[in-house]
Amino acid sequence: MNIEFQHIEYVIYGILFALVLFTLSGILINKFKKLSRKIVENIFYEKIFKYYDYKRITSKYILKFFILILLFLSAANPREYTTTRKKESSSCEIIFCLDISNSMLADDISPNRLEFSRQIILNVLKNIQDDKVGLVVYAGTSALLQPMTSDLENVYSLVKNVNTDYILTQGTNIEEALERSISLFNPSSSADKILILLTDGEEHEGQMKRILENLRELNVKLFIVGVGTVVGGPIPVSSNFGKDYKRDKYGNVVITKLNENNLKELAKQLDGLYLHSKSTSQISSILLQEIDKAKRIETERNIQSGYSSLYYIPLIGACILLLIDLIVFDYLYFILKK
C-alpha cells in the first residue's frame, strides 16, 4: 500500500492547531476553577463542583483532540496510487535549497523574492523528466520537505505551496541548510549531483570548511541564485491596521538588500557559480543548460499513476469519535447518573 497526502501541510497545521487549542482550553479551565474558589465560599464551591467528573471531561478533551486531527487528515486528502509500471530512465540528482526567511517577502523584485524563486524552480521542474529531485527550505533552521524522488509532480506541488510560515525560527542558517541538502545525495551513485541554492544573501552564520569538503568529496555542482536587488525593499508584515512593514526599535522601516558580495564570496568559497538576473526565464534557462550537460546513469524505477482518494477514512473516524463523545460521555453518562 503506497499512500501519500496531497496537502501534507494540512497535517502539520492540524497537529499545531489542536495542541494550541487544547493547551489554551486547559489553562482557561484551570484559571476558572481558581477564580471560582476565590469568589465562592469553600462550602459552596465543593457543592458546585461535587459532580464535576474530571475523568469524563479529560476523556472528552482527548476525543476532541483526535477528532480535530482526523478532520485535518481528511482535508489533507490521503490517496493511494492504483497503477504501477516499470520504466527505464537516465537521471542525475538535483537538490533545491530555498531560503524562506521573512526577507524573501520583500517585493523589490516582482512579485516578491519568494515567488520569484518559486517560479525559477517550477520552470526547471517543468522542463526535466527523469531526474531525481529533493527539496530543502531554511531560515533560522532548515527543514526537509522532500527527500530525493522521481515524483516531480509531487515536488512541483510542494514548491507551489511553500511559504515563510513553514519555519517559525527566523535567521539565515545557511550552513545547516547546505549540510542537510548535501546529505540527500547518494554517495554511491556515479550520476552528477547538482545543488541549487536560492537566497537573498543576508548575513549567514557558521564555518563553511566542512561544507566545502563534503561538496568536493561528492563532486557536487553548486549554483547560487541571488534573489532581489542591491537597492532593496521593505519587508511586508501584517498588523492591526492592515499592511505594514517591518520596523526597527526606533520605528524606522527596515530595508533588506540583496547582498551580492556575500553570495559571490560564498560561491567562490564553495567552488560554485553565482547567478543573478531580474528574469526568471533567463536564470531557468542557464540552470537547464547546466542540467542538460549533467552525467546521468540508467536506472529502472516504478512509475505510479492513477490514485483513489481516501479522505473518507479519517472523516468516518472523526464521525465515529464524535458519536462516542455525544452518546457515551453525554447521553449515556447522564442516564447512568440518574
Protein backbone atom coordinates (compact mmCIF):
# COMPACT_ATOMS: atom_id res chain seq x y z
CA MET A 1 0.00 0.00 0.00
CA ASN A 2 1.53 3.31 -1.13
CA ILE A 3 -0.27 6.22 0.48
CA GLU A 4 0.63 9.91 0.36
CA PHE A 5 -1.06 13.18 1.31
CA GLN A 6 -1.96 15.61 -1.44
CA HIS A 7 -1.75 18.53 1.01
CA ILE A 8 0.79 17.42 3.63
CA GLU A 9 0.84 20.92 5.16
CA TYR A 10 -2.70 20.39 6.49
CA VAL A 11 -1.42 17.56 8.69
CA ILE A 12 1.13 19.91 10.28
CA TYR A 13 -1.44 22.68 10.68
CA GLY A 14 -3.92 20.26 12.27
CA ILE A 15 -1.49 18.99 14.91
CA LEU A 16 -0.31 22.51 15.79
CA PHE A 17 -3.87 23.89 15.91
CA ALA A 18 -5.13 21.05 18.12
CA LEU A 19 -2.19 21.35 20.52
CA VAL A 20 -2.56 25.12 20.86
CA LEU A 21 -6.36 24.96 21.21
CA PHE A 22 -6.39 22.34 23.94
CA THR A 23 -3.46 23.82 25.82
CA LEU A 24 -5.25 27.16 25.97
CA SER A 25 -8.52 25.45 26.97
CA GLY A 26 -6.79 23.64 29.83
CA ILE A 27 -5.22 26.87 31.06
CA LEU A 28 -8.57 28.71 30.93
CA ILE A 29 -10.41 25.94 32.80
CA ASN A 30 -7.76 25.90 35.49
CA LYS A 31 -8.00 29.68 35.86
CA PHE A 32 -11.81 29.45 36.03
CA LYS A 33 -11.61 26.99 38.90
CA LYS A 34 -9.15 29.12 40.83
CA LEU A 35 -11.26 32.23 40.26
CA SER A 36 -14.44 30.37 41.33
CA ARG A 37 -12.80 29.30 44.58
CA LYS A 38 -11.89 32.91 45.32
CA ILE A 39 -15.37 34.22 44.62
CA VAL A 40 -17.45 31.43 46.21
CA GLU A 41 -17.01 30.26 49.79
CA ASN A 42 -15.38 26.85 50.12
CA ILE A 43 -18.55 25.12 51.34
CA PHE A 44 -20.49 26.26 48.27
CA TYR A 45 -17.55 25.59 45.98
CA GLU A 46 -17.49 21.94 47.00
CA LYS A 47 -21.24 21.63 46.34
CA ILE A 48 -20.94 23.29 42.92
CA PHE A 49 -18.10 21.04 41.77
CA LYS A 50 -19.28 17.91 43.59
CA TYR A 51 -20.49 16.29 40.37
CA TYR A 52 -17.71 17.65 38.21
CA ASP A 53 -16.26 14.45 36.71
CA TYR A 54 -12.66 15.12 35.76
CA LYS A 55 -12.19 11.74 34.06
CA ARG A 56 -15.18 12.39 31.83
CA ILE A 57 -14.02 15.90 30.93
CA THR A 58 -10.47 14.68 30.25
CA SER A 59 -11.80 11.86 28.04
CA LYS A 60 -13.95 14.33 26.09
CA TYR A 61 -10.94 16.59 25.54
CA ILE A 62 -8.82 13.70 24.29
CA LEU A 63 -11.59 12.62 21.93
CA LYS A 64 -11.99 16.15 20.57
CA PHE A 65 -8.22 16.35 20.04
CA PHE A 66 -8.28 13.24 17.85
CA ILE A 67 -11.45 14.41 16.07
CA LEU A 68 -9.66 17.61 15.04
CA ILE A 69 -6.59 15.68 13.89
CA LEU A 70 -8.72 13.32 11.80
CA LEU A 71 -10.59 16.23 10.19
CA PHE A 72 -7.31 17.82 9.16
CA LEU A 73 -6.07 14.45 7.86
CA SER A 74 -9.21 14.22 5.76
CA ALA A 75 -8.62 17.75 4.41
CA ALA A 76 -5.04 16.73 3.53
CA ASN A 77 -6.62 14.14 1.17
CA PRO A 78 -4.67 10.89 1.69
CA ARG A 79 -4.55 8.97 -1.57
CA GLU A 80 -3.32 5.63 -2.77
CA TYR A 81 -1.76 5.02 -6.17
CA THR A 82 -3.53 2.25 -8.02
CA THR A 83 -1.27 1.65 -11.05
CA THR A 84 2.45 0.81 -11.06
CA ARG A 85 4.68 0.16 -14.06
CA LYS A 86 8.44 -0.16 -14.54
CA LYS A 87 10.37 2.34 -16.61
CA GLU A 88 13.99 2.54 -17.77
CA SER A 89 15.35 6.06 -17.36
CA SER A 90 18.59 8.02 -17.12
CA SER A 91 18.84 10.51 -14.30
CA CYS A 92 21.07 12.85 -12.33
CA GLU A 93 20.43 14.18 -8.83
CA ILE A 94 19.19 17.74 -8.16
CA ILE A 95 18.56 19.40 -4.79
CA PHE A 96 16.78 22.75 -4.48
CA CYS A 97 17.68 24.63 -1.28
CA LEU A 98 15.25 27.54 -0.85
CA ASP A 99 15.54 30.47 1.56
CA ILE A 100 12.12 31.16 3.14
CA SER A 101 13.13 33.74 5.74
CA ASN A 102 10.85 36.79 6.06
CA SER A 103 13.21 38.94 3.99
CA MET A 104 12.17 36.81 1.00
CA LEU A 105 8.77 38.54 1.13
CA ALA A 106 10.32 41.84 0.01
CA ASP A 107 8.84 42.97 -3.31
CA ASP A 108 11.89 44.76 -4.73
CA ILE A 109 11.68 42.11 -7.43
CA SER A 110 8.25 41.25 -8.88
CA PRO A 111 6.05 39.85 -7.44
CA ASN A 112 8.34 39.20 -4.46
CA ARG A 113 11.58 37.34 -3.79
CA LEU A 114 9.95 34.12 -2.66
CA GLU A 115 7.55 33.92 -5.60
CA PHE A 116 10.43 34.79 -7.96
CA SER A 117 12.43 31.87 -6.52
CA ARG A 118 9.45 29.54 -6.71
CA GLN A 119 8.95 30.39 -10.37
CA ILE A 120 12.56 29.50 -11.17
CA ILE A 121 12.22 26.09 -9.50
CA LEU A 122 8.87 25.44 -11.19
CA ASN A 123 10.32 26.34 -14.59
CA VAL A 124 13.13 23.85 -14.07
CA LEU A 125 10.76 21.12 -12.87
CA LYS A 126 8.52 21.59 -15.92
CA ASN A 127 11.47 21.04 -18.25
CA ILE A 128 13.11 17.95 -16.78
CA GLN A 129 11.75 14.42 -16.92
CA ASP A 130 13.54 11.52 -15.29
CA ASP A 131 15.95 13.26 -12.92
CA LYS A 132 15.74 12.74 -9.17
CA VAL A 133 14.90 15.86 -7.16
CA GLY A 134 14.90 16.85 -3.48
CA LEU A 135 13.70 20.00 -1.69
CA VAL A 136 15.09 21.71 1.44
CA VAL A 137 13.87 25.03 2.88
CA TYR A 138 15.53 27.12 5.54
CA ALA A 139 15.51 30.27 7.65
CA GLY A 140 16.86 30.19 11.23
CA THR A 141 16.81 26.41 10.89
CA SER A 142 16.25 24.06 7.95
CA ALA A 143 13.52 21.57 7.03
CA LEU A 144 13.46 18.68 4.59
CA LEU A 145 10.27 18.91 2.54
CA GLN A 146 11.11 16.21 0.01
CA PRO A 147 13.84 13.53 0.07
CA MET A 148 15.29 12.51 -3.28
CA THR A 149 12.46 11.40 -5.54
CA SER A 150 11.50 10.88 -9.17
CA ASP A 151 7.96 12.11 -8.46
CA LEU A 152 8.38 15.56 -10.00
CA GLU A 153 4.64 16.25 -9.79
CA ASN A 154 4.74 15.98 -6.01
CA VAL A 155 7.79 18.27 -5.75
CA TYR A 156 6.04 20.75 -8.05
CA SER A 157 3.03 20.80 -5.72
CA LEU A 158 5.25 21.31 -2.66
CA VAL A 159 7.09 24.24 -4.26
CA LYS A 160 3.82 25.94 -5.25
CA ASN A 161 2.60 25.88 -1.66
CA VAL A 162 5.77 26.61 0.31
CA ASN A 163 5.76 29.85 2.33
CA THR A 164 7.59 31.61 5.16
CA ASP A 165 5.28 30.06 7.79
CA TYR A 166 6.91 26.65 7.24
CA ILE A 167 9.73 27.68 9.59
CA LEU A 168 8.97 29.88 12.60
CA THR A 169 12.60 30.41 13.66
CA GLN A 170 13.90 33.43 11.78
CA GLY A 171 17.50 33.92 10.72
CA THR A 172 19.73 32.62 7.95
CA ASN A 173 21.28 29.31 8.98
CA ILE A 174 22.69 28.53 5.57
CA GLU A 175 25.28 26.10 6.91
CA GLU A 176 22.65 23.75 8.35
CA ALA A 177 20.60 24.04 5.14
CA LEU A 178 23.56 23.12 2.94
CA GLU A 179 24.53 20.22 5.20
CA ARG A 180 21.01 18.85 5.09
CA SER A 181 20.88 19.27 1.30
CA ILE A 182 24.21 17.50 0.74
CA SER A 183 23.10 14.58 2.93
CA LEU A 184 20.31 13.81 0.41
CA PHE A 185 22.74 12.88 -2.37
CA ASN A 186 23.54 9.21 -2.92
CA PRO A 187 27.32 8.94 -2.34
CA SER A 188 27.48 5.60 -4.19
CA SER A 189 25.86 7.00 -7.35
CA SER A 190 28.09 7.98 -10.27
CA ALA A 191 25.45 10.37 -11.64
CA ASP A 192 26.15 14.10 -11.47
CA LYS A 193 24.92 15.89 -8.37
CA ILE A 194 23.57 19.45 -8.63
CA LEU A 195 22.74 21.74 -5.71
CA ILE A 196 20.75 24.91 -6.45
CA LEU A 197 20.62 27.47 -3.62
CA LEU A 198 18.13 30.33 -3.94
CA THR A 199 18.55 33.18 -1.42
CA ASP A 200 18.76 36.95 -0.98
CA GLY A 201 22.17 36.64 0.65
CA GLU A 202 21.52 38.18 4.04
CA GLU A 203 24.22 37.62 6.64
CA HIS A 204 24.86 33.94 7.26
CA GLU A 205 26.49 32.19 10.16
CA GLY A 206 28.90 29.29 10.55
CA GLN A 207 32.07 27.90 9.07
CA MET A 208 31.96 26.62 5.50
CA LYS A 209 35.10 24.46 5.60
CA ARG A 210 33.22 21.22 6.30
CA ILE A 211 30.60 22.09 3.65
CA LEU A 212 33.35 22.62 1.07
CA GLU A 213 34.92 19.27 1.93
CA ASN A 214 31.58 17.49 1.51
CA LEU A 215 30.87 19.22 -1.81
CA ARG A 216 34.27 18.25 -3.18
CA GLU A 217 34.05 14.70 -1.87
CA LEU A 218 30.73 14.14 -3.63
CA ASN A 219 31.72 16.24 -6.65
CA VAL A 220 28.61 18.41 -6.28
CA LYS A 221 27.98 21.24 -8.74
CA LEU A 222 26.77 24.26 -6.76
CA PHE A 223 24.66 27.08 -8.23
CA ILE A 224 23.79 30.07 -6.05
CA VAL A 225 20.90 32.20 -7.33
CA GLY A 226 20.84 35.72 -5.88
CA VAL A 227 17.24 36.92 -5.46
CA GLY A 228 16.38 40.61 -5.03
CA THR A 229 18.07 43.91 -5.83
CA VAL A 230 21.01 45.80 -4.34
CA VAL A 231 18.65 48.78 -3.79
CA GLY A 232 16.44 46.51 -1.68
CA GLY A 233 12.94 46.91 -0.34
CA PRO A 234 10.85 46.75 2.85
CA ILE A 235 9.57 43.50 4.38
CA PRO A 236 5.72 43.35 4.47
CA VAL A 237 4.14 42.34 7.77
CA SER A 238 0.53 42.12 8.91
CA SER A 239 -0.71 44.47 11.62
CA ASN A 240 -3.93 45.66 13.24
CA PHE A 241 -4.03 48.49 10.73
CA GLY A 242 -3.67 46.28 7.66
CA LYS A 243 -0.49 46.04 5.64
CA ASP A 244 2.64 47.44 7.23
CA TYR A 245 6.39 46.90 7.02
CA LYS A 246 8.95 45.52 9.43
CA ARG A 247 10.46 48.28 11.56
CA ASP A 248 13.46 48.60 13.85
CA LYS A 249 13.22 49.58 17.54
CA TYR A 250 13.15 53.26 16.54
CA GLY A 251 10.15 52.79 14.26
CA ASN A 252 12.09 53.09 11.01
CA VAL A 253 11.17 50.79 8.13
CA VAL A 254 13.79 48.06 7.68
CA ILE A 255 15.18 47.77 4.15
CA THR A 256 16.51 44.37 3.14
CA LYS A 257 19.00 44.32 0.26
CA LEU A 258 20.43 41.61 -1.92
CA ASN A 259 23.92 41.02 -0.57
CA GLU A 260 25.75 40.10 -3.75
CA ASN A 261 29.16 40.36 -2.14
CA ASN A 262 28.19 37.70 0.40
CA LEU A 263 26.84 35.38 -2.28
CA LYS A 264 29.74 35.84 -4.67
CA GLU A 265 32.18 35.17 -1.85
CA LEU A 266 30.18 32.13 -0.79
CA ALA A 267 30.14 30.80 -4.36
CA LYS A 268 33.89 31.35 -4.61
CA GLN A 269 34.48 29.75 -1.21
CA LEU A 270 32.41 26.68 -2.14
CA ASP A 271 33.65 26.37 -5.75
CA GLY A 272 30.18 27.25 -7.02
CA LEU A 273 28.68 29.50 -9.68
CA TYR A 274 26.75 32.67 -8.78
CA LEU A 275 23.74 33.68 -10.91
CA HIS A 276 21.69 36.87 -10.78
CA SER A 277 19.03 38.32 -13.06
CA LYS A 278 15.66 40.06 -12.87
CA SER A 279 14.33 37.47 -15.31
CA THR A 280 13.17 34.07 -14.07
CA SER A 281 13.31 32.69 -17.61
CA GLN A 282 16.96 33.68 -18.02
CA ILE A 283 18.08 32.01 -14.79
CA SER A 284 15.92 28.96 -15.52
CA SER A 285 17.48 28.70 -18.97
CA ILE A 286 21.03 28.76 -17.58
CA LEU A 287 20.19 26.14 -14.96
CA LEU A 288 18.51 23.89 -17.55
CA GLN A 289 21.55 24.17 -19.83
CA GLU A 290 23.77 23.01 -16.99
CA ILE A 291 21.38 20.22 -16.07
CA ASP A 292 21.35 19.06 -19.72
CA LYS A 293 25.15 18.68 -19.55
CA ALA A 294 24.94 16.51 -16.43
CA LYS A 295 26.17 12.94 -16.47
CA ARG A 296 23.29 10.51 -15.97
CA ILE A 297 23.01 6.84 -15.10
CA GLU A 298 20.49 4.31 -16.37
CA THR A 299 18.05 3.15 -13.71
CA GLU A 300 14.85 1.16 -13.55
CA ARG A 301 12.11 2.71 -11.45
CA ASN A 302 8.46 2.19 -10.68
CA ILE A 303 6.09 4.72 -12.19
CA GLN A 304 2.90 5.19 -10.22
CA SER A 305 -0.17 6.68 -11.79
CA GLY A 306 -3.85 6.81 -11.07
CA TYR A 307 -4.93 7.10 -7.49
CA SER A 308 -8.01 6.82 -5.31
CA SER A 309 -8.74 9.41 -2.64
CA LEU A 310 -9.02 8.05 0.91
CA TYR A 311 -10.20 11.26 2.59
CA TYR A 312 -13.38 9.49 3.75
CA ILE A 313 -11.46 7.11 6.07
CA PRO A 314 -10.28 9.75 8.59
CA LEU A 315 -13.61 11.56 8.08
CA ILE A 316 -15.54 8.43 9.10
CA GLY A 317 -13.18 8.01 12.05
CA ALA A 318 -13.90 11.58 13.16
CA CYS A 319 -17.66 10.95 12.92
CA ILE A 320 -17.38 7.76 14.99
CA LEU A 321 -15.41 9.55 17.70
CA LEU A 322 -17.94 12.39 17.67
CA LEU A 323 -20.79 9.89 18.18
CA ILE A 324 -18.87 8.26 21.04
CA ASP A 325 -18.40 11.69 22.58
CA LEU A 326 -22.11 12.56 22.30
CA ILE A 327 -23.63 9.17 23.13
CA VAL A 328 -21.22 7.66 25.70
CA PHE A 329 -19.92 10.73 27.51
CA ASP A 330 -23.08 12.82 27.35
CA TYR A 331 -26.33 10.89 26.83
CA LEU A 332 -25.47 7.53 28.47
CA TYR A 333 -23.37 9.19 31.16
CA PHE A 334 -26.27 11.29 32.45
CA ILE A 335 -28.74 8.40 32.17
CA LEU A 336 -26.48 6.23 34.33
CA LYS A 337 -26.01 9.09 36.76
CA LYS A 338 -29.75 9.22 37.32
